[in-house]
């Protein structure tokens, strides 16, 4: 049996859940008796595997206690390793890492420059594993390009000591090429969530909707990356226009729940729009179910990248709103759909409507291409 610790698991972020589920599926395909320990910011379950809460994900300037705890734990590991002093790690998080054969970071973009100092959280979790001499796999990453020199040095330290790095976009691959000098075990692959199987286990009756069905997803992160953009107003104008031109049904589809829930924005849009053909999906669905829902759309507009991975892997013509380089790298470059990706800096209602109508006009060609 090979034991894997998978870090950074958040089951309420359905993109992250899709990443972790498909990561486990891929590993199981090669190692049938693999056992998984899942670790993340809160306790819970994913695919009936318990998620262990770690204090590292609570690190912030507002929680100095967690920062101090993390620092002391690193110090404890260094003392244990350097002086061979017998120390007991009471924390379950560390016991599971100690028992693991391999530690996997589950990908995403938490090691990329878009997250600024917040990347220290994921890097600290990886430092624990490095100091405990565990093999490290960075599985499906978008990373690099930090403006903060401390974070940049920490990232490069982790990259140099990772045993295998799998990148999901060319810009991240280029960063690793330029910064990793001690090994060449890094590869440009793809986001594993493309392999997620859709599930029909939903209570949504698609036959009751008028066609075409247009799926629409936006994220509260847009306001964090571009405070000057009123994403609610832009979305309302776009929805009203495409409803007038195309008719059919507009489905507002969240892809993240909890702290950064997409419902925070989608509910505002829904409550302010006066159209009978707009529906808000309020229930929380699993990523497989969301993929099925999105796959029933005739066109999809998404800001959450894994929502657009769900749509494109179901061959749905897709317009992506990019607040980081991952959307450009995966949906734009890898799938060759750059024409339908809007950079956040250029986003306004006119451009969004223009791209939506262009994707609608070319929908058959896009579907064939996908």
Protein backbone atom coordinates (compact mmCIF):
# COMPACT_ATOMS: atom_id res chain seq x y z
CA UNK A 1 0.00 0.00 0.00
CA UNK A 2 1.21 3.49 -0.90
CA UNK A 3 -0.04 6.32 1.30
CA UNK A 4 -0.62 9.75 -0.22
CA UNK A 5 -1.27 13.00 1.63
CA UNK A 6 -3.10 15.48 -0.59
CA UNK A 7 -2.85 19.10 0.55
CA UNK A 8 -5.13 22.07 -0.05
CA UNK A 9 -8.45 20.22 -0.25
CA UNK A 10 -11.61 22.36 -0.18
CA UNK A 11 -14.72 20.33 -0.97
CA UNK A 12 -16.94 23.44 -1.19
CA UNK A 13 -14.85 24.81 -4.03
CA UNK A 14 -16.13 22.47 -6.73
CA UNK A 15 -13.17 23.18 -9.00
CA UNK A 16 -10.81 22.11 -6.24
CA UNK A 17 -13.02 19.09 -5.52
CA UNK A 18 -12.88 18.15 -9.21
CA UNK A 19 -9.08 18.47 -9.13
CA UNK A 20 -8.70 16.27 -6.06
CA UNK A 21 -11.19 13.64 -7.22
CA UNK A 22 -9.52 13.25 -10.61
CA UNK A 23 -6.05 13.34 -9.03
CA UNK A 24 -7.04 10.38 -6.84
CA UNK A 25 -8.60 8.67 -9.87
CA UNK A 26 -5.38 9.03 -11.88
CA UNK A 27 -3.21 7.75 -9.03
CA UNK A 28 -5.57 4.81 -8.45
CA UNK A 29 -5.31 3.95 -12.13
CA UNK A 30 -1.60 3.19 -11.59
CA UNK A 31 -1.56 2.23 -7.90
CA UNK A 32 -4.72 0.28 -7.09
CA UNK A 33 -4.01 -0.02 -3.36
CA UNK A 34 -3.30 3.70 -2.90
CA UNK A 35 -4.59 5.19 0.35
CA UNK A 36 -5.32 8.90 0.70
CA UNK A 37 -5.14 11.42 3.53
CA UNK A 38 -6.86 14.67 2.59
CA UNK A 39 -5.94 17.96 4.27
CA UNK A 40 -7.39 21.43 3.94
CA UNK A 41 -8.79 24.56 5.58
CA UNK A 42 -11.78 22.80 7.15
CA UNK A 43 -12.81 19.30 8.11
CA UNK A 44 -15.28 17.39 5.99
CA UNK A 45 -15.45 14.54 3.49
CA UNK A 46 -14.67 14.13 -0.19
CA UNK A 47 -15.56 10.85 -1.88
CA UNK A 48 -16.10 9.42 1.63
CA UNK A 49 -12.47 10.27 2.52
CA UNK A 50 -12.15 12.44 5.63
CA UNK A 51 -10.56 15.88 5.24
CA UNK A 52 -8.26 16.82 8.12
CA UNK A 53 -8.31 20.49 9.08
CA UNK A 54 -4.89 22.14 9.27
CA UNK A 55 -4.03 25.31 11.15
CA UNK A 56 -1.76 26.41 8.30
CA UNK A 57 -4.77 27.39 6.19
CA UNK A 58 -5.85 29.79 8.93
CA UNK A 59 -2.61 31.77 8.75
CA UNK A 60 -3.09 35.51 8.24
CA UNK A 61 -2.11 38.83 9.76
CA UNK A 62 -5.50 38.77 11.50
CA UNK A 63 -4.64 35.41 13.11
CA UNK A 64 -1.11 35.82 14.52
CA UNK A 65 -1.63 32.75 16.73
CA UNK A 66 -1.80 30.48 13.67
CA UNK A 67 1.28 32.17 12.19
CA UNK A 68 3.22 31.61 15.41
CA UNK A 69 2.00 28.01 15.62
CA UNK A 70 3.21 27.35 12.07
CA UNK A 71 6.61 28.92 12.80
CA UNK A 72 7.03 26.88 15.99
CA UNK A 73 6.05 23.69 14.17
CA UNK A 74 8.68 24.33 11.50
CA UNK A 75 11.22 24.97 14.24
CA UNK A 76 10.21 21.76 15.99
CA UNK A 77 10.70 19.77 12.77
CA UNK A 78 14.13 21.33 12.18
CA UNK A 79 15.24 20.47 15.75
CA UNK A 80 13.87 16.94 15.40
CA UNK A 81 15.69 16.48 12.10
CA UNK A 82 19.03 18.16 12.97
CA UNK A 83 19.56 16.81 16.48
CA UNK A 84 17.70 13.50 16.10
CA UNK A 85 15.69 14.36 19.20
CA UNK A 86 12.67 12.13 19.65
CA UNK A 87 9.66 14.42 19.35
CA UNK A 88 6.01 13.51 19.23
CA UNK A 89 3.79 15.26 16.72
CA UNK A 90 0.43 15.33 18.46
CA UNK A 91 -1.26 17.18 15.62
CA UNK A 92 -3.07 14.69 13.34
CA UNK A 93 -1.98 16.73 10.36
CA UNK A 94 1.67 15.98 11.03
CA UNK A 95 1.07 12.37 11.95
CA UNK A 96 -0.59 11.80 8.60
CA UNK A 97 2.27 13.50 6.74
CA UNK A 98 4.76 11.41 8.72
CA UNK A 99 2.89 8.23 7.79
CA UNK A 100 2.65 9.19 4.11
CA UNK A 101 4.91 7.85 1.40
CA UNK A 102 4.25 10.79 -0.94
CA UNK A 103 2.84 14.29 -0.38
CA UNK A 104 0.79 15.80 -3.20
CA UNK A 105 -0.21 19.44 -3.62
CA UNK A 106 -3.52 19.24 -5.40
CA UNK A 107 -2.85 21.95 -7.93
CA UNK A 108 -4.86 25.05 -8.55
CA UNK A 109 -3.32 28.49 -8.57
CA UNK A 110 -2.54 29.10 -4.89
CA UNK A 111 1.18 29.15 -5.75
CA UNK A 112 0.74 31.82 -8.42
CA UNK A 113 1.33 35.55 -8.24
CA UNK A 114 -2.38 36.38 -8.32
CA UNK A 115 -2.66 35.29 -4.69
CA UNK A 116 0.20 37.45 -3.41
CA UNK A 117 1.24 36.76 0.19
CA UNK A 118 -1.56 34.19 0.57
CA UNK A 119 0.67 31.71 -1.27
CA UNK A 120 2.71 31.46 1.95
CA UNK A 121 -0.11 29.31 3.36
CA UNK A 122 0.32 26.58 0.72
CA UNK A 123 4.10 26.95 0.75
CA UNK A 124 4.23 26.47 4.53
CA UNK A 125 2.24 23.25 4.24
CA UNK A 126 4.77 22.04 1.67
CA UNK A 127 7.71 23.10 3.85
CA UNK A 128 6.46 20.76 6.58
CA UNK A 129 6.63 17.85 4.13
CA UNK A 130 10.05 18.89 2.77
CA UNK A 131 11.54 19.16 6.27
CA UNK A 132 10.08 15.73 7.07
CA UNK A 133 11.93 14.34 4.00
CA UNK A 134 8.77 13.35 2.15
CA UNK A 135 8.73 13.13 -1.65
CA UNK A 136 6.73 16.07 -3.05
CA UNK A 137 4.51 16.09 -6.14
CA UNK A 138 3.01 19.35 -7.37
CA UNK A 139 0.04 18.00 -9.29
CA UNK A 140 -1.51 20.24 -11.96
CA UNK A 141 -0.18 23.68 -11.04
CA UNK A 142 -0.49 27.23 -12.25
CA UNK A 143 2.32 29.02 -10.45
CA UNK A 144 5.00 31.68 -10.34
CA UNK A 145 5.34 35.40 -11.08
CA UNK A 146 5.15 36.76 -7.53
CA UNK A 147 5.97 40.42 -6.97
CA UNK A 148 6.81 39.81 -3.31
CA UNK A 149 10.50 38.74 -3.10
CA UNK A 150 9.98 36.63 0.06
CA UNK A 151 7.18 34.61 -1.52
CA UNK A 152 9.21 34.26 -4.71
CA UNK A 153 12.19 32.85 -2.80
CA UNK A 154 9.99 30.47 -0.81
CA UNK A 155 8.34 29.24 -4.00
CA UNK A 156 11.67 28.66 -5.73
CA UNK A 157 12.94 26.82 -2.64
CA UNK A 158 9.92 24.49 -2.80
CA UNK A 159 10.21 23.99 -6.56
CA UNK A 160 13.88 23.03 -6.29
CA UNK A 161 12.99 20.39 -3.68
CA UNK A 162 9.89 18.96 -5.36
CA UNK A 163 10.38 15.52 -6.87
CA UNK A 164 7.80 15.91 -9.63
CA UNK A 165 6.08 19.05 -10.98
CA UNK A 166 3.12 18.81 -13.33
CA UNK A 167 2.14 22.13 -14.91
CA UNK A 168 -1.19 22.83 -16.58
CA UNK A 169 -0.31 25.95 -18.57
CA UNK A 170 2.66 27.07 -20.67
CA UNK A 171 3.41 30.23 -18.68
CA UNK A 172 3.84 28.21 -15.47
CA UNK A 173 6.01 25.71 -17.32
CA UNK A 174 8.20 28.56 -18.57
CA UNK A 175 8.56 29.85 -15.01
CA UNK A 176 9.75 26.46 -13.76
CA UNK A 177 12.15 26.14 -16.69
CA UNK A 178 13.73 29.47 -15.75
CA UNK A 179 13.82 28.95 -11.97
CA UNK A 180 14.49 25.25 -11.34
CA UNK A 181 18.19 24.44 -11.82
CA UNK A 182 18.68 21.26 -9.77
CA UNK A 183 16.41 18.82 -11.63
CA UNK A 184 14.31 18.46 -14.77
CA UNK A 185 11.35 16.47 -13.42
CA UNK A 186 8.70 18.93 -14.59
CA UNK A 187 6.19 18.49 -17.38
CA UNK A 188 3.50 20.44 -19.19
CA UNK A 189 0.37 18.28 -19.05
CA UNK A 190 -3.28 19.25 -18.52
CA UNK A 191 -5.67 19.94 -15.70
CA UNK A 192 -6.95 16.52 -14.51
CA UNK A 193 -10.49 17.92 -14.09
CA UNK A 194 -10.95 17.38 -17.84
CA UNK A 195 -11.27 13.70 -16.89
CA UNK A 196 -14.15 14.25 -14.43
CA UNK A 197 -17.17 12.13 -15.31
CA UNK A 198 -20.52 13.99 -15.33
CA UNK A 199 -23.34 12.73 -13.12
CA UNK A 200 -27.04 12.90 -14.05
CA UNK A 201 -28.07 12.80 -10.39
CA UNK A 202 -29.70 16.26 -10.27
CA UNK A 203 -33.29 17.41 -9.81
CA UNK A 204 -33.17 19.88 -12.70
CA UNK A 205 -35.64 19.27 -15.53
CA UNK A 206 -33.91 20.55 -18.65
CA UNK A 207 -36.85 19.59 -20.84
CA UNK A 208 -38.83 22.31 -19.08
CA UNK A 209 -36.43 25.03 -20.23
CA UNK A 210 -36.81 26.95 -23.49
CA UNK A 211 -33.86 26.59 -25.84
CA UNK A 212 -31.19 27.74 -26.20
CA UNK A 213 -29.90 27.28 -22.65
CA UNK A 214 -27.17 29.79 -21.81
CA UNK A 215 -25.10 29.03 -18.69
CA UNK A 216 -23.64 32.01 -16.83
CA UNK A 217 -21.06 32.02 -14.02
CA UNK A 218 -19.20 34.89 -12.37
CA UNK A 219 -17.05 35.00 -9.26
CA UNK A 220 -16.72 37.42 -6.31
CA UNK A 221 -12.94 37.21 -6.90
CA UNK A 222 -13.43 39.55 -9.86
CA UNK A 223 -14.06 42.42 -7.42
CA UNK A 224 -10.84 41.54 -5.56
CA UNK A 225 -8.71 41.57 -8.71
CA UNK A 226 -10.40 44.62 -10.28
CA UNK A 227 -12.22 46.84 -7.78
CA UNK A 228 -13.22 49.32 -10.47
CA UNK A 229 -15.29 46.72 -12.34
CA UNK A 230 -18.99 46.47 -11.46
CA UNK A 231 -19.43 42.83 -12.42
CA UNK A 232 -23.09 42.83 -11.35
CA UNK A 233 -23.98 45.71 -13.67
CA UNK A 234 -21.92 44.28 -16.53
CA UNK A 235 -23.57 40.88 -16.11
CA UNK A 236 -27.10 42.31 -16.01
CA UNK A 237 -26.56 44.26 -19.24
CA UNK A 238 -25.09 41.20 -20.96
CA UNK A 239 -27.88 38.89 -19.79
CA UNK A 240 -30.62 41.32 -20.84
CA UNK A 241 -29.04 41.70 -24.29
CA UNK A 242 -28.51 37.99 -24.99
CA UNK A 243 -32.00 37.24 -23.66
CA UNK A 244 -33.43 39.77 -26.11
CA UNK A 245 -31.37 38.49 -29.05
CA UNK A 246 -31.40 34.73 -28.41
CA UNK A 247 -34.42 34.14 -26.18
CA UNK A 248 -34.21 30.77 -24.49
CA UNK A 249 -33.15 30.29 -20.86
CA UNK A 250 -30.37 31.88 -18.82
CA UNK A 251 -29.01 29.62 -16.05
CA UNK A 252 -26.95 31.28 -13.32
CA UNK A 253 -24.55 28.52 -12.24
CA UNK A 254 -22.37 28.77 -9.10
CA UNK A 255 -19.20 26.68 -8.99
CA UNK A 256 -17.85 27.66 -5.57
CA UNK A 257 -19.77 27.69 -2.29
CA UNK A 258 -18.84 28.76 1.23
CA UNK A 259 -16.56 31.70 2.00
CA UNK A 260 -16.03 32.81 -1.63
CA UNK A 261 -19.40 31.56 -2.87
CA UNK A 262 -20.40 32.57 -6.37
CA UNK A 263 -23.93 32.94 -5.02
CA UNK A 264 -22.83 36.24 -3.44
CA UNK A 265 -22.68 37.75 -6.94
CA UNK A 266 -25.19 35.57 -8.79
CA UNK A 267 -27.90 36.27 -6.20
CA UNK A 268 -27.42 40.02 -6.65
CA UNK A 269 -27.73 39.61 -10.41
CA UNK A 270 -30.83 37.43 -10.08
CA UNK A 271 -32.57 39.76 -7.63
CA UNK A 272 -31.97 42.83 -9.78
CA UNK A 273 -32.94 41.38 -13.14
CA UNK A 274 -36.57 41.41 -14.26
CA UNK A 275 -36.73 38.51 -16.71
CA UNK A 276 -38.86 35.38 -16.48
CA UNK A 277 -36.34 33.25 -18.36
CA UNK A 278 -33.48 33.70 -15.86
CA UNK A 279 -33.03 30.96 -13.24
CA UNK A 280 -30.59 30.80 -10.33
CA UNK A 281 -29.26 27.41 -9.25
CA UNK A 282 -29.20 27.84 -5.48
CA UNK A 283 -28.66 24.24 -4.36
CA UNK A 284 -25.14 22.98 -3.79
CA UNK A 285 -24.16 20.25 -6.24
CA UNK A 286 -21.11 18.05 -6.51
CA UNK A 287 -18.63 18.82 -9.34
CA UNK A 288 -19.85 15.82 -11.37
CA UNK A 289 -23.43 17.10 -11.15
CA UNK A 290 -22.39 20.63 -12.05
CA UNK A 291 -20.53 19.26 -15.06
CA UNK A 292 -23.74 17.56 -16.20
CA UNK A 293 -25.73 20.78 -15.67
CA UNK A 294 -23.17 22.85 -17.59
CA UNK A 295 -22.98 20.18 -20.29
CA UNK A 296 -26.69 20.69 -21.00
CA UNK A 297 -26.07 24.30 -21.96
CA UNK A 298 -25.87 25.41 -25.58
CA UNK A 299 -23.43 28.17 -24.63
CA UNK A 300 -21.52 28.88 -21.41
CA UNK A 301 -19.96 32.03 -19.98
CA UNK A 302 -17.66 31.45 -17.01
CA UNK A 303 -15.19 33.23 -14.74
CA UNK A 304 -14.38 30.16 -12.63
CA UNK A 305 -11.86 28.26 -14.67
CA UNK A 306 -13.06 24.82 -13.63
CA UNK A 307 -16.56 25.76 -14.67
CA UNK A 308 -15.12 26.45 -18.14
CA UNK A 309 -13.16 23.19 -18.00
CA UNK A 310 -16.48 21.45 -17.33
CA UNK A 311 -18.10 23.21 -20.30
CA UNK A 312 -15.29 22.74 -22.81
CA UNK A 313 -14.83 19.07 -21.91
CA UNK A 314 -18.56 18.64 -22.61
CA UNK A 315 -17.97 20.36 -26.00
CA UNK A 316 -20.04 23.44 -25.07
CA UNK A 317 -19.01 26.71 -26.80
CA UNK A 318 -17.49 28.80 -24.02
CA UNK A 319 -16.57 32.40 -23.25
CA UNK A 320 -14.02 32.72 -20.44
CA UNK A 321 -13.47 35.74 -18.19
CA UNK A 322 -9.81 35.69 -17.14
CA UNK A 323 -8.68 37.15 -13.81
CA UNK A 324 -5.42 35.15 -13.90
CA UNK A 325 -3.08 33.61 -16.47
CA UNK A 326 -4.58 30.14 -15.94
CA UNK A 327 -7.67 30.92 -18.06
CA UNK A 328 -5.49 32.22 -20.91
CA UNK A 329 -3.14 29.24 -20.62
CA UNK A 330 -5.70 26.44 -20.39
CA UNK A 331 -8.84 27.61 -22.20
CA UNK A 332 -7.05 30.09 -24.45
CA UNK A 333 -3.77 28.48 -25.47
CA UNK A 334 -4.17 24.78 -24.72
CA UNK A 335 -7.68 24.52 -26.21
CA UNK A 336 -6.95 27.21 -28.81
CA UNK A 337 -9.97 29.31 -27.79
CA UNK A 338 -8.08 32.54 -27.06
CA UNK A 339 -10.52 34.45 -29.27
CA UNK A 340 -13.22 33.73 -26.69
CA UNK A 341 -11.27 34.65 -23.55
CA UNK A 342 -11.71 38.17 -22.13
CA UNK A 343 -8.97 39.61 -19.94
CA UNK A 344 -10.35 41.23 -16.81
CA UNK A 345 -8.58 44.51 -17.60
CA UNK A 346 -10.63 44.81 -20.81
CA UNK A 347 -13.95 43.59 -19.42
CA UNK A 348 -17.05 45.68 -19.97
CA UNK A 349 -20.61 44.86 -21.02
CA UNK A 350 -19.98 45.68 -24.70
CA UNK A 351 -16.97 43.35 -25.01
CA UNK A 352 -18.75 40.60 -23.07
CA UNK A 353 -21.80 40.82 -25.34
CA UNK A 354 -19.58 40.91 -28.43
CA UNK A 355 -17.70 37.74 -27.40
CA UNK A 356 -20.91 35.93 -26.42
CA UNK A 357 -22.53 36.67 -29.77
CA UNK A 358 -19.33 35.67 -31.61
CA UNK A 359 -19.25 32.35 -29.76
CA UNK A 360 -22.94 31.83 -30.55
CA UNK A 361 -22.36 32.56 -34.22
CA UNK A 362 -19.44 30.08 -34.32
CA UNK A 363 -20.99 27.52 -31.94
CA UNK A 364 -21.03 24.59 -34.37
CA UNK A 365 -17.43 25.20 -35.38
CA UNK A 366 -16.34 25.49 -31.71
CA UNK A 367 -18.13 22.29 -30.74
CA UNK A 368 -16.53 20.42 -33.64
CA UNK A 369 -13.13 21.85 -32.65
CA UNK A 370 -13.54 20.76 -29.02
